[in-house]
Amino acid sequence: MSTKNEKTPIESEEEFHEFLVSQGLKDYSKIPVEKVKFSKGIKIAFWFLRIYIAVMIVLVLIGFSHVI
């Protein structure tokens, strides 16, 4: 069963592009994206967070091993 208003993805994509052009909006899919540069302090904080998570997983596994 197909409805009268059912559109293919290409048609809806073309309609979206026409809408962007008619409204004077920019097509943001064409803007290049730059990689974010993290400071040294942020990198250290994320490494400590990863280590903390790993230690917590090990402690939970040890705790479950004593229960079983």
Protein backbone atom coordinates (compact mmCIF):
# COMPACT_ATOMS: atom_id res chain seq x y z
CA MET A 1 0.00 0.00 0.00
CA SER A 2 1.50 3.29 -0.99
CA THR A 3 0.10 6.65 -0.22
CA LYS A 4 -0.19 9.53 -2.59
CA ASN A 5 2.11 11.74 -0.47
CA GLU A 6 4.90 9.16 -0.14
CA LYS A 7 8.14 10.54 -1.59
CA THR A 8 11.47 9.04 -2.40
CA PRO A 9 14.47 10.29 -0.41
CA ILE A 10 15.79 12.05 -3.52
CA GLU A 11 12.59 14.05 -3.97
CA SER A 12 12.52 15.12 -0.33
CA GLU A 13 16.22 16.04 -0.50
CA GLU A 14 15.58 18.19 -3.58
CA GLU A 15 12.62 19.84 -1.84
CA PHE A 16 14.79 20.56 1.20
CA HIS A 17 17.43 22.17 -1.02
CA GLU A 18 14.77 24.27 -2.74
CA PHE A 19 13.48 25.33 0.69
CA LEU A 20 16.99 26.38 1.78
CA VAL A 21 17.45 28.42 -1.39
CA SER A 22 13.99 30.02 -1.20
CA GLN A 23 14.52 31.05 2.43
CA GLY A 24 18.03 32.36 1.80
CA LEU A 25 19.57 29.87 4.22
CA LYS A 26 23.07 28.48 3.92
CA ASP A 27 23.69 24.85 3.12
CA TYR A 28 25.77 23.88 6.14
CA SER A 29 26.74 20.50 4.69
CA LYS A 30 29.29 22.30 2.49
CA ILE A 31 31.19 24.00 5.36
CA PRO A 32 34.45 22.19 6.23
CA VAL A 33 34.67 21.06 9.85
CA GLU A 34 37.89 21.55 11.78
CA LYS A 35 39.08 19.15 14.46
CA VAL A 36 38.86 20.55 17.98
CA LYS A 37 42.19 21.20 19.69
CA PHE A 38 42.15 20.25 23.38
CA SER A 39 44.49 21.88 25.87
CA LYS A 40 47.01 19.78 27.76
CA GLY A 41 44.99 20.07 31.00
CA ILE A 42 41.84 18.73 29.32
CA LYS A 43 43.78 15.80 27.83
CA ILE A 44 45.19 14.94 31.28
CA ALA A 45 41.70 15.15 32.83
CA PHE A 46 40.31 12.73 30.23
CA TRP A 47 43.18 10.28 30.81
CA PHE A 48 42.52 10.34 34.57
CA LEU A 49 38.84 9.77 33.86
CA ARG A 50 39.65 6.73 31.69
CA ILE A 51 41.94 5.32 34.41
CA TYR A 52 39.25 5.94 37.06
CA ILE A 53 36.65 4.09 34.98
CA ALA A 54 39.02 1.16 34.42
CA VAL A 55 39.77 0.93 38.17
CA MET A 56 36.06 1.07 39.02
CA ILE A 57 35.32 -1.76 36.55
CA VAL A 58 38.08 -3.89 38.12
CA LEU A 59 36.72 -3.21 41.63
CA VAL A 60 33.18 -4.12 40.55
CA LEU A 61 34.45 -7.37 39.01
CA ILE A 62 36.34 -8.19 42.21
CA GLY A 63 33.20 -7.47 44.24
CA PHE A 64 31.04 -9.70 42.05
CA SER A 65 33.62 -12.49 42.20
CA HIS A 66 33.29 -12.54 46.01
CA VAL A 67 29.49 -12.72 45.81
CA ILE A 68 29.44 -15.67 43.39
